[in-house]
Amino acid sequence: MSLDISDVLKRLHINDINDAFSTGNLWGGSNFQQKDITSPVDGKKIATVKMASPDDYNQVVEHAAKAFIKWRTLPAPKRGEIVREIGEALRNNKEDLGTLVSYEMGKSLQEGFGEVQEMIDIADFAVGQSRQLYGLTMHSERPEHRMYEQYHPLGIVGIISAFNFPVAVWSWNAMLAWVCGDVCIWKPSEKTPLTAIACQHIVQSVFKKHAIDEGVSCLIIGDRNIGELMANDTRIPLISATGSTRMGKAVGAAVGARLGRSLLELGGNNAIIISENADLDMALIGAVFGAVGTAGQRCTTTRRLLIHESVYEQFKQKLVKAYAQIRIGNPLDENNHMGPLIDRDAVQLYLDSIEKCKAEGGRFIVEGGKLEGGQYTSGCYVKPCIAEVESHFKIVHHETFAPIVYLIKYKTVEEAIALQNSVPQGLSSAIMTNNLREAEQFLSYAGSDCGIANVNIGTSGAEIGGAFGGEKETGGGRESGSDAWKVYMRRQTNTINYSTNLPLAQGIKFNL
């Protein structure tokens, strides 16, 4: 499928990428570093963007701090109404924005549209949340006293997002932060800045309509140095960072050293347990999409299949047959199942992981490798592959952001759960079973140690209504639904004495 990306950019009001940095709060240095953005789909240059300097960074923080003073005074339901209009603007631009997500990042077109739909969904969620920023009341031990707690906005929320979901994860944070009364500074992945610029234009069109200071939503394009400035900046009380465990440890240490808050969404090494009591056809769909979707570049990608010994050979044959039908190519062609990896560095990491697996004794029943020639001129296309391994292999405990899935055999559900929990990461997990006892055991305190545990669905495909996040080296953060809004606010306990006396707590007497 041929695509004139310039038409998409024009409809998204990005006629000249470089001009975008001279106005508004799209920050880039006029005499600073520039970066060419190319598509992993065809290797073609999409645009050249200007990277921010430290001076640019200071300007954007000052701008955001000033905007916060006024934004926090707008009643929360009014802020929610503005977020509702942002959701509508995203609806109106869903096709173009989803196409740009697909072309810039390389995920399938349907997944690109799905990512924009996540933004729309979280906007709808945030609108309702804007009328439910509730606290609690409690009884005081002192007569004629009232106690309650309430939530206030934090201030500036710094959002560092990853390339694999170039817009959705930002929206999980921003939509909730905005209704909570915060302002946002967004540093997208330097690999996928164009979708961020498009979102910024959409958001600012709504803010401009309501005469809202553009500093409520700031965008800064930069490398890891900008991320380090954000992590160490005491003016930013909360840093929400999505990416590798290595990156998260650095951010967490920097933010913790200044006693700030961090919300970390890091690596995943997710497993599906396929029980002897599973519907194997259902399990197959979950396993293949989980392993191949987004070319294995989701934090919730299925990386391990723990298969009961009694159905191991049967399921393995089903899996091999299914992999033979996977179509790899231009993700804008909806007939293809899998597109490219994000860049050639990712391809090399994929190839290195295959060699490490083989060196440890892994046996590939579906061989991997790089695809070249014809439509694969970008050098970013690879084959999804399957390896039979032992659970103690070092490579099995490592997250490779690529379509490599490992098969491991088990005997009892207790053994399977122990294998599931044996890796350092703790994001998503699943069991395929029609046995109620197995399902409940998997979900119990002695079951999965992950932040997400599913029964009869795969590890990918979280809905925005539930809090998203994981444990252990996944970082412990929670975003999106449920009560995740609380992380964007500060909690305050209030006591009001409406008596004529001043009794002290715990019965203490202090007479003058």
Protein backbone atom coordinates (compact mmCIF):
# COMPACT_ATOMS: atom_id res chain seq x y z
CA MET A 1 0.00 0.00 0.00
CA SER A 2 1.43 3.39 -0.99
CA LEU A 3 0.96 6.32 1.33
CA ASP A 4 1.57 10.01 0.86
CA ILE A 5 2.31 10.87 4.47
CA SER A 6 2.44 14.56 3.58
CA ASP A 7 -1.35 14.52 3.07
CA VAL A 8 -1.85 12.98 6.50
CA LEU A 9 0.47 15.54 8.10
CA LYS A 10 -1.36 18.40 6.41
CA ARG A 11 -4.72 17.18 7.67
CA LEU A 12 -3.19 17.03 11.12
CA HIS A 13 -2.08 20.66 10.65
CA ILE A 14 1.62 19.86 10.52
CA ASN A 15 2.44 21.52 7.22
CA ASP A 16 6.02 22.23 8.20
CA ILE A 17 7.42 20.29 11.14
CA ASN A 18 10.21 22.76 11.78
CA ASP A 19 7.90 25.77 11.80
CA ALA A 20 5.88 24.05 14.52
CA PHE A 21 8.70 24.60 16.99
CA SER A 22 8.75 28.38 16.63
CA THR A 23 5.30 28.93 18.05
CA GLY A 24 3.20 27.76 20.94
CA ASN A 25 4.73 25.31 23.37
CA LEU A 26 6.36 22.91 20.98
CA TRP A 27 9.87 23.37 22.16
CA GLY A 28 13.00 23.04 20.08
CA GLY A 29 16.23 24.97 19.80
CA SER A 30 16.67 27.01 16.63
CA ASN A 31 20.43 26.43 16.68
CA PHE A 32 20.41 23.13 18.54
CA GLN A 33 20.48 19.50 17.46
CA GLN A 34 18.21 18.23 14.69
CA LYS A 35 17.04 14.69 14.12
CA ASP A 36 15.71 12.97 11.02
CA ILE A 37 12.65 10.80 11.64
CA THR A 38 12.36 7.80 9.34
CA SER A 39 9.64 5.17 9.12
CA PRO A 40 10.52 1.55 9.90
CA VAL A 41 7.84 0.62 7.36
CA ASP A 42 9.80 1.69 4.26
CA GLY A 43 12.91 3.42 5.58
CA LYS A 44 11.84 6.78 4.18
CA LYS A 45 12.46 10.07 5.94
CA ILE A 46 9.22 11.57 7.25
CA ALA A 47 10.54 14.84 8.68
CA THR A 48 13.37 16.56 10.49
CA VAL A 49 12.61 17.74 14.01
CA LYS A 50 14.48 20.12 16.26
CA MET A 51 15.63 18.73 19.58
CA ALA A 52 15.28 20.82 22.72
CA SER A 53 18.20 22.36 24.55
CA PRO A 54 18.51 22.84 28.34
CA ASP A 55 17.49 26.48 27.85
CA ASP A 56 14.37 25.36 25.99
CA TYR A 57 13.64 22.97 28.84
CA ASN A 58 13.79 25.72 31.45
CA GLN A 59 11.44 27.85 29.38
CA VAL A 60 8.85 25.10 29.17
CA VAL A 61 8.94 24.38 32.92
CA GLU A 62 8.53 28.07 33.73
CA HIS A 63 5.66 28.26 31.25
CA ALA A 64 3.93 25.22 32.75
CA ALA A 65 4.35 26.48 36.33
CA LYS A 66 2.71 29.76 35.39
CA ALA A 67 -0.19 28.01 33.65
CA PHE A 68 -0.82 25.78 36.69
CA ILE A 69 -1.63 28.77 38.92
CA LYS A 70 -4.74 29.56 36.86
CA TRP A 71 -5.68 26.08 35.61
CA ARG A 72 -6.09 24.70 39.15
CA THR A 73 -8.73 27.34 39.92
CA LEU A 74 -11.05 26.10 37.17
CA PRO A 75 -13.65 23.78 38.75
CA ALA A 76 -12.94 20.12 38.08
CA PRO A 77 -16.19 19.53 36.10
CA LYS A 78 -15.23 22.47 33.87
CA ARG A 79 -11.82 20.92 33.32
CA GLY A 80 -13.65 17.69 32.52
CA GLU A 81 -15.73 19.46 29.88
CA ILE A 82 -12.56 20.61 28.14
CA VAL A 83 -11.18 17.06 28.24
CA ARG A 84 -14.49 15.88 26.74
CA GLU A 85 -13.94 18.22 23.81
CA ILE A 86 -10.38 16.94 23.43
CA GLY A 87 -11.86 13.44 23.17
CA GLU A 88 -14.20 14.63 20.44
CA ALA A 89 -11.31 16.25 18.56
CA LEU A 90 -9.43 12.95 18.72
CA ARG A 91 -12.50 11.18 17.34
CA ASN A 92 -12.54 13.57 14.41
CA ASN A 93 -8.87 12.86 13.69
CA LYS A 94 -8.84 9.14 14.49
CA GLU A 95 -8.12 7.85 10.99
CA ASP A 96 -5.26 10.24 10.23
CA LEU A 97 -3.72 10.00 13.68
CA GLY A 98 -4.00 6.21 13.71
CA THR A 99 -2.37 6.07 10.28
CA LEU A 100 0.51 8.23 11.47
CA VAL A 101 0.96 6.02 14.55
CA SER A 102 1.17 3.00 12.27
CA TYR A 103 3.57 4.57 9.80
CA GLU A 104 5.90 6.23 12.30
CA MET A 105 6.06 3.33 14.78
CA GLY A 106 5.37 0.32 12.56
CA LYS A 107 2.42 -1.30 14.31
CA SER A 108 -0.49 -2.58 12.27
CA LEU A 109 -3.06 -0.09 11.06
CA GLN A 110 -5.77 -1.66 13.22
CA GLU A 111 -3.51 -1.36 16.24
CA GLY A 112 -2.83 2.27 15.31
CA PHE A 113 -6.56 2.97 15.23
CA GLY A 114 -6.92 1.04 18.48
CA GLU A 115 -4.32 3.20 20.16
CA VAL A 116 -6.20 6.36 19.23
CA GLN A 117 -9.39 4.72 20.48
CA GLU A 118 -7.65 4.22 23.85
CA MET A 119 -7.07 7.98 23.95
CA ILE A 120 -10.73 8.61 23.26
CA ASP A 121 -11.78 6.09 25.89
CA ILE A 122 -9.58 7.55 28.62
CA ALA A 123 -10.90 11.02 27.78
CA ASP A 124 -14.44 9.71 28.36
CA PHE A 125 -13.31 8.08 31.61
CA ALA A 126 -11.64 11.28 32.78
CA VAL A 127 -14.80 13.32 32.12
CA GLY A 128 -16.72 11.14 34.57
CA GLN A 129 -13.82 11.21 37.01
CA SER A 130 -13.89 15.01 37.05
CA ARG A 131 -17.06 14.80 39.17
CA GLN A 132 -15.71 12.06 41.43
CA LEU A 133 -12.48 13.40 42.93
CA TYR A 134 -13.82 12.29 46.26
CA GLY A 135 -12.35 12.24 49.75
CA LEU A 136 -13.58 10.59 52.94
CA THR A 137 -15.14 11.79 56.17
CA MET A 138 -14.42 10.09 59.49
CA HIS A 139 -15.54 10.43 63.09
CA SER A 140 -13.32 12.36 65.47
CA GLU A 141 -12.58 11.14 69.01
CA ARG A 142 -13.04 14.73 70.15
CA PRO A 143 -16.54 16.15 70.64
CA GLU A 144 -17.82 18.74 68.18
CA HIS A 145 -15.03 18.09 65.73
CA ARG A 146 -15.29 17.01 62.13
CA MET A 147 -12.55 15.19 60.22
CA TYR A 148 -12.30 14.66 56.50
CA GLU A 149 -9.75 14.33 53.74
CA GLN A 150 -9.62 16.00 50.37
CA TYR A 151 -7.43 15.95 47.28
CA HIS A 152 -5.64 18.88 45.64
CA PRO A 153 -3.70 19.06 42.38
CA LEU A 154 0.03 18.40 42.55
CA GLY A 155 1.29 20.88 39.98
CA ILE A 156 3.42 19.87 37.01
CA VAL A 157 3.28 16.23 35.87
CA GLY A 158 6.22 15.14 33.75
CA ILE A 159 5.36 12.36 31.29
CA ILE A 160 8.12 10.34 29.62
CA SER A 161 6.60 7.93 27.10
CA ALA A 162 8.00 5.08 25.01
CA PHE A 163 7.94 4.44 21.27
CA ASN A 164 5.76 1.33 21.34
CA PHE A 165 2.62 3.22 22.42
CA PRO A 166 3.57 6.68 21.21
CA VAL A 167 0.32 8.40 22.21
CA ALA A 168 -1.93 6.16 24.32
CA VAL A 169 0.17 6.03 27.48
CA TRP A 170 0.61 9.80 27.40
CA SER A 171 -3.16 10.17 27.29
CA TRP A 172 -3.65 7.82 30.26
CA ASN A 173 -1.61 10.29 32.29
CA ALA A 174 -2.56 13.60 30.73
CA MET A 175 -6.35 13.23 30.68
CA LEU A 176 -6.48 12.29 34.35
CA ALA A 177 -3.86 14.85 35.36
CA TRP A 178 -5.81 17.61 33.62
CA VAL A 179 -9.12 16.87 35.34
CA CYS A 180 -7.20 16.70 38.63
CA GLY A 181 -6.02 20.26 38.01
CA ASP A 182 -2.43 19.51 37.02
CA VAL A 183 -0.51 20.68 33.98
CA CYS A 184 1.64 18.34 31.89
CA ILE A 185 5.06 18.34 30.26
CA TRP A 186 5.37 15.50 27.77
CA LYS A 187 8.67 14.13 26.52
CA PRO A 188 7.80 11.51 23.91
CA SER A 189 10.26 8.96 22.63
CA GLU A 190 12.72 10.63 20.28
CA LYS A 191 11.97 7.71 17.92
CA THR A 192 8.30 8.71 17.53
CA PRO A 193 7.90 12.49 18.01
CA LEU A 194 5.59 13.22 15.07
CA THR A 195 2.52 11.57 16.59
CA ALA A 196 3.18 13.62 19.72
CA ILE A 197 3.32 16.83 17.71
CA ALA A 198 0.03 15.89 16.02
CA CYS A 199 -1.63 15.27 19.40
CA GLN A 200 -0.30 18.56 20.71
CA HIS A 201 -1.90 20.45 17.83
CA ILE A 202 -5.22 18.72 18.44
CA VAL A 203 -5.15 19.47 22.17
CA GLN A 204 -4.06 23.07 21.72
CA SER A 205 -6.88 23.74 19.26
CA VAL A 206 -9.33 22.95 22.07
CA PHE A 207 -7.46 24.96 24.70
CA LYS A 208 -7.25 27.94 22.33
CA LYS A 209 -11.01 27.83 21.82
CA HIS A 210 -11.49 28.23 25.57
CA ALA A 211 -8.67 30.78 26.02
CA ILE A 212 -6.77 28.30 28.18
CA ASP A 213 -3.05 28.94 28.66
CA GLU A 214 -1.17 26.64 26.29
CA GLY A 215 1.23 25.81 29.13
CA VAL A 216 -1.39 23.40 30.51
CA SER A 217 -0.15 20.96 27.84
CA CYS A 218 3.54 21.26 27.01
CA LEU A 219 5.54 19.12 24.61
CA ILE A 220 9.32 18.91 24.55
CA ILE A 221 11.22 16.85 21.99
CA GLY A 222 14.57 15.73 23.32
CA ASP A 223 16.96 12.91 24.06
CA ARG A 224 17.73 11.20 27.37
CA ASN A 225 19.38 14.40 28.66
CA ILE A 226 15.98 16.08 28.73
CA GLY A 227 14.56 13.10 30.60
CA GLU A 228 17.36 13.40 33.15
CA LEU A 229 16.61 17.10 33.63
CA MET A 230 12.96 16.25 34.28
CA ALA A 231 13.80 13.48 36.75
CA ASN A 232 16.07 15.76 38.77
CA ASP A 233 13.84 18.85 38.68
CA THR A 234 12.24 19.70 42.03
CA ARG A 235 9.69 21.85 40.18
CA ILE A 236 8.08 18.66 38.84
CA PRO A 237 6.50 16.78 41.76
CA LEU A 238 5.51 13.71 39.72
CA ILE A 239 7.37 11.92 36.94
CA SER A 240 5.45 9.24 35.06
CA ALA A 241 7.94 7.21 33.02
CA THR A 242 7.32 4.31 30.66
CA GLY A 243 10.20 2.32 29.24
CA SER A 244 12.88 -0.19 30.10
CA THR A 245 13.68 -1.37 33.61
CA ARG A 246 17.14 0.17 33.25
CA MET A 247 15.64 3.55 32.46
CA GLY A 248 13.08 3.21 35.26
CA LYS A 249 15.71 2.48 37.87
CA ALA A 250 17.59 5.62 36.88
CA VAL A 251 14.45 7.77 36.93
CA GLY A 252 13.26 6.27 40.23
CA ALA A 253 16.63 6.88 41.87
CA ALA A 254 16.79 10.49 40.68
CA VAL A 255 13.22 11.32 41.68
CA GLY A 256 13.56 9.48 44.98
CA ALA A 257 16.74 11.37 45.85
CA ARG A 258 14.72 14.60 45.81
CA LEU A 259 11.75 12.95 47.56
CA GLY A 260 9.51 13.41 44.54
CA ARG A 261 6.96 10.95 43.23
CA SER A 262 7.50 8.55 40.38
CA LEU A 263 5.00 6.41 38.49
CA LEU A 264 6.97 3.71 36.70
CA GLU A 265 5.69 1.40 33.95
CA LEU A 266 8.63 -0.75 32.95
CA GLY A 267 9.43 -4.14 31.46
CA GLY A 268 7.29 -7.23 31.22
CA ASN A 269 8.13 -10.91 30.76
CA ASN A 270 4.63 -12.23 30.47
CA ALA A 271 3.49 -15.84 30.47
CA ILE A 272 0.33 -17.71 29.54
CA ILE A 273 -0.29 -20.96 31.39
CA ILE A 274 -2.03 -23.40 29.05
CA SER A 275 -3.73 -25.98 31.22
CA GLU A 276 -4.72 -29.51 30.31
CA ASN A 277 -8.24 -28.16 30.88
CA ALA A 278 -7.87 -25.32 28.37
CA ASP A 279 -9.84 -24.70 25.22
CA LEU A 280 -6.81 -25.03 22.97
CA ASP A 281 -8.33 -23.15 20.04
CA MET A 282 -9.06 -20.17 22.30
CA ALA A 283 -5.60 -20.45 23.83
CA LEU A 284 -4.05 -20.40 20.38
CA ILE A 285 -5.60 -17.05 19.49
CA GLY A 286 -4.45 -15.50 22.75
CA ALA A 287 -0.95 -16.90 22.42
CA VAL A 288 -0.37 -15.87 18.81
CA PHE A 289 -1.72 -12.34 19.15
CA GLY A 290 0.10 -11.92 22.45
CA ALA A 291 3.42 -12.99 20.93
CA VAL A 292 3.14 -11.38 17.48
CA GLY A 293 1.02 -8.26 18.04
CA THR A 294 3.01 -5.02 17.60
CA ALA A 295 5.86 -7.31 16.46
CA GLY A 296 6.46 -8.33 20.06
CA GLN A 297 7.06 -4.73 21.15
CA ARG A 298 4.40 -4.44 23.82
CA CYS A 299 5.23 -4.43 27.50
CA THR A 300 2.39 -6.98 27.75
CA THR A 301 3.69 -9.15 24.89
CA THR A 302 3.48 -12.90 25.58
CA ARG A 303 7.09 -14.08 25.91
CA ARG A 304 6.58 -17.45 27.62
CA LEU A 305 4.05 -20.23 27.07
CA LEU A 306 3.86 -22.64 30.01
CA ILE A 307 2.12 -25.71 28.60
CA HIS A 308 0.89 -28.77 30.50
CA GLU A 309 2.80 -31.87 29.48
CA SER A 310 -0.38 -33.73 28.47
CA VAL A 311 -1.28 -31.14 25.78
CA TYR A 312 2.21 -29.88 25.01
CA GLU A 313 2.76 -31.66 21.68
CA GLN A 314 -0.78 -31.02 20.50
CA PHE A 315 -0.61 -27.32 21.25
CA LYS A 316 2.90 -27.00 19.84
CA GLN A 317 1.72 -28.35 16.48
CA LYS A 318 -1.20 -25.92 16.46
CA LEU A 319 1.18 -23.06 17.19
CA VAL A 320 3.64 -24.01 14.45
CA LYS A 321 0.80 -24.26 11.95
CA ALA A 322 -0.55 -20.86 13.00
CA TYR A 323 2.87 -19.21 12.65
CA ALA A 324 3.11 -20.49 9.09
CA GLN A 325 0.06 -18.35 8.28
CA ILE A 326 1.36 -15.09 9.73
CA ARG A 327 1.72 -12.43 7.04
CA ILE A 328 4.58 -9.98 7.58
CA GLY A 329 4.79 -6.72 5.70
CA ASN A 330 3.65 -3.13 5.43
CA PRO A 331 1.46 -2.57 8.51
CA LEU A 332 -0.74 -0.16 6.57
CA ASP A 333 -1.95 -3.16 4.58
CA GLU A 334 -4.70 -4.62 6.76
CA ASN A 335 -4.06 -8.08 5.30
CA ASN A 336 -0.75 -8.25 7.17
CA HIS A 337 -0.55 -9.46 10.75
CA MET A 338 2.84 -8.06 11.68
CA GLY A 339 4.92 -5.07 10.71
CA PRO A 340 8.54 -4.11 11.41
CA LEU A 341 10.53 -3.56 14.56
CA ILE A 342 11.09 0.07 15.46
CA ASP A 343 14.64 0.30 14.04
CA ARG A 344 17.73 -1.65 13.07
CA ASP A 345 19.10 -1.54 16.61
CA ALA A 346 16.01 -3.46 17.72
CA VAL A 347 16.65 -5.99 14.95
CA GLN A 348 20.17 -6.56 16.23
CA LEU A 349 18.94 -7.11 19.79
CA TYR A 350 16.47 -9.65 18.41
CA LEU A 351 19.21 -11.49 16.53
CA ASP A 352 21.49 -11.42 19.58
CA SER A 353 18.74 -12.94 21.73
CA ILE A 354 18.24 -15.78 19.28
CA GLU A 355 21.95 -16.59 19.41
CA LYS A 356 22.00 -16.43 23.20
CA CYS A 357 19.03 -18.80 23.34
CA LYS A 358 20.74 -21.26 21.04
CA ALA A 359 23.96 -21.03 23.04
CA GLU A 360 22.08 -22.05 26.19
CA GLY A 361 20.53 -25.03 24.43
CA GLY A 362 17.28 -23.60 23.09
CA ARG A 363 15.78 -25.42 20.11
CA PHE A 364 13.93 -23.32 17.58
CA ILE A 365 10.90 -25.07 16.14
CA VAL A 366 10.05 -21.97 14.10
CA GLU A 367 13.25 -20.28 13.00
CA GLY A 368 13.73 -16.56 13.23
CA GLY A 369 15.84 -14.22 11.17
CA LYS A 370 15.93 -10.90 9.41
CA LEU A 371 13.81 -10.34 6.30
CA GLU A 372 15.50 -8.59 3.39
CA GLY A 373 14.77 -7.56 -0.16
CA GLY A 374 11.49 -6.66 -1.83
CA GLN A 375 9.18 -4.83 0.54
CA TYR A 376 11.62 -5.24 3.44
CA THR A 377 14.03 -2.48 2.34
CA SER A 378 13.93 -0.63 5.68
CA GLY A 379 15.96 -3.41 7.31
CA CYS A 380 13.53 -3.55 10.24
CA TYR A 381 11.48 -6.66 9.40
CA VAL A 382 12.05 -9.98 11.17
CA LYS A 383 10.41 -13.40 11.44
CA PRO A 384 8.41 -14.29 14.55
CA CYS A 385 9.99 -17.39 16.06
CA ILE A 386 9.36 -20.10 18.66
CA ALA A 387 11.95 -21.81 20.86
CA GLU A 388 11.68 -24.77 23.20
CA VAL A 389 13.67 -23.92 26.33
CA GLU A 390 14.28 -24.74 29.96
CA SER A 391 12.93 -22.31 32.52
CA HIS A 392 16.36 -21.63 34.06
CA PHE A 393 17.87 -20.24 30.84
CA LYS A 394 19.14 -16.69 31.43
CA ILE A 395 17.61 -15.44 28.19
CA VAL A 396 14.16 -16.56 29.36
CA HIS A 397 14.42 -14.19 32.33
CA HIS A 398 15.35 -11.28 30.08
CA GLU A 399 12.85 -9.14 28.19
CA THR A 400 13.61 -8.93 24.48
CA PHE A 401 11.35 -6.43 22.71
CA ALA A 402 10.80 -8.67 19.70
CA PRO A 403 8.56 -11.55 18.51
CA ILE A 404 10.37 -14.43 20.25
CA VAL A 405 8.24 -16.78 22.35
CA TYR A 406 9.59 -19.53 24.60
CA LEU A 407 7.81 -22.86 25.22
CA ILE A 408 8.19 -24.51 28.63
CA LYS A 409 6.58 -27.75 29.77
CA TYR A 410 5.01 -28.21 33.24
CA LYS A 411 3.36 -30.98 35.26
CA THR A 412 1.20 -29.34 37.96
CA VAL A 413 -0.56 -25.98 38.21
CA GLU A 414 1.54 -25.20 41.27
CA GLU A 415 4.68 -25.70 39.19
CA ALA A 416 3.26 -23.52 36.42
CA ILE A 417 2.49 -20.67 38.81
CA ALA A 418 5.99 -20.91 40.28
CA LEU A 419 7.46 -20.73 36.77
CA GLN A 420 5.23 -17.78 35.94
CA ASN A 421 6.51 -15.94 39.03
CA SER A 422 10.18 -16.89 38.62
CA VAL A 423 11.18 -13.93 36.45
CA PRO A 424 12.17 -10.45 37.72
CA GLN A 425 9.29 -8.71 35.94
CA GLY A 426 5.68 -8.75 37.10
CA LEU A 427 3.38 -7.03 34.62
CA SER A 428 0.83 -9.30 32.92
CA SER A 429 -0.07 -12.99 33.21
CA ALA A 430 -2.80 -15.35 32.09
CA ILE A 431 -4.11 -18.87 32.47
CA MET A 432 -6.17 -20.74 29.91
CA THR A 433 -8.39 -23.23 31.72
CA ASN A 434 -11.99 -24.32 32.09
CA ASN A 435 -11.25 -25.62 35.59
CA LEU A 436 -12.65 -23.25 38.22
CA ARG A 437 -10.24 -24.40 40.90
CA GLU A 438 -7.22 -23.74 38.70
CA ALA A 439 -8.53 -20.31 37.77
CA GLU A 440 -9.16 -19.32 41.37
CA GLN A 441 -5.79 -20.68 42.49
CA PHE A 442 -4.09 -18.60 39.79
CA LEU A 443 -5.89 -15.46 41.02
CA SER A 444 -5.34 -16.11 44.73
CA TYR A 445 -2.68 -14.71 47.07
CA ALA A 446 -0.63 -17.81 46.24
CA GLY A 447 -1.10 -17.33 42.49
CA SER A 448 0.24 -14.86 39.94
CA ASP A 449 2.46 -12.12 41.39
CA CYS A 450 1.72 -9.77 38.47
CA GLY A 451 -0.24 -6.55 38.45
CA ILE A 452 -2.50 -8.05 35.77
CA ALA A 453 -3.79 -11.62 35.96
CA ASN A 454 -6.27 -12.90 33.36
CA VAL A 455 -8.32 -16.04 32.89
CA ASN A 456 -9.09 -17.24 29.35
CA ILE A 457 -7.72 -14.15 27.67
CA GLY A 458 -4.12 -13.41 26.78
CA THR A 459 -1.61 -11.07 28.35
CA SER A 460 -2.19 -8.20 25.90
CA GLY A 461 -5.19 -5.95 25.51
CA ALA A 462 -5.88 -4.14 28.79
CA GLU A 463 -8.98 -1.96 29.04
CA ILE A 464 -8.78 1.60 30.35
CA GLY A 465 -11.33 0.96 33.13
CA GLY A 466 -8.86 -1.00 35.24
CA ALA A 467 -5.62 0.27 36.74
CA PHE A 468 -2.71 -0.74 34.53
CA GLY A 469 0.69 -1.65 35.94
CA GLY A 470 2.86 -4.31 37.46
CA GLU A 471 5.08 -5.36 40.34
CA LYS A 472 8.77 -6.14 40.93
CA GLU A 473 10.97 -4.78 38.14
CA THR A 474 7.89 -3.56 36.29
CA GLY A 475 7.96 -0.63 38.70
CA GLY A 476 4.80 -0.79 40.81
CA GLY A 477 3.02 2.11 39.09
CA ARG A 478 -0.67 2.20 38.19
CA GLU A 479 -2.15 4.25 35.36
CA SER A 480 -5.48 4.68 33.60
CA GLY A 481 -8.64 3.49 35.38
CA SER A 482 -9.88 2.55 38.84
CA ASP A 483 -8.47 4.97 41.44
CA ALA A 484 -5.25 5.69 39.54
CA TRP A 485 -6.26 9.38 39.56
CA LYS A 486 -5.07 9.69 43.15
CA VAL A 487 -1.40 9.58 42.17
CA TYR A 488 -1.85 12.90 40.37
CA MET A 489 -3.10 14.64 43.52
CA ARG A 490 -1.91 15.36 47.03
CA ARG A 491 -4.06 14.16 49.92
CA GLN A 492 -4.87 16.46 52.80
CA THR A 493 -6.49 15.56 56.13
CA ASN A 494 -8.62 18.33 57.68
CA THR A 495 -10.01 18.68 61.19
CA ILE A 496 -12.53 21.38 62.08
CA ASN A 497 -13.30 22.27 65.68
CA TYR A 498 -16.71 23.90 65.98
CA SER A 499 -16.83 23.78 69.80
CA THR A 500 -15.89 26.48 72.33
CA ASN A 501 -13.08 24.35 73.76
CA LEU A 502 -9.79 22.98 72.50
CA PRO A 503 -9.64 19.32 73.53
CA LEU A 504 -6.45 17.49 72.51
CA ALA A 505 -6.28 14.09 70.88
CA GLN A 506 -5.46 10.97 72.90
CA GLY A 507 -6.92 12.65 75.98
CA ILE A 508 -3.83 14.78 76.58
CA LYS A 509 -4.28 17.61 79.09
CA PHE A 510 -2.44 20.89 78.57
CA ASN A 511 -3.83 23.48 80.99
CA LEU A 512 -2.62 27.06 81.17
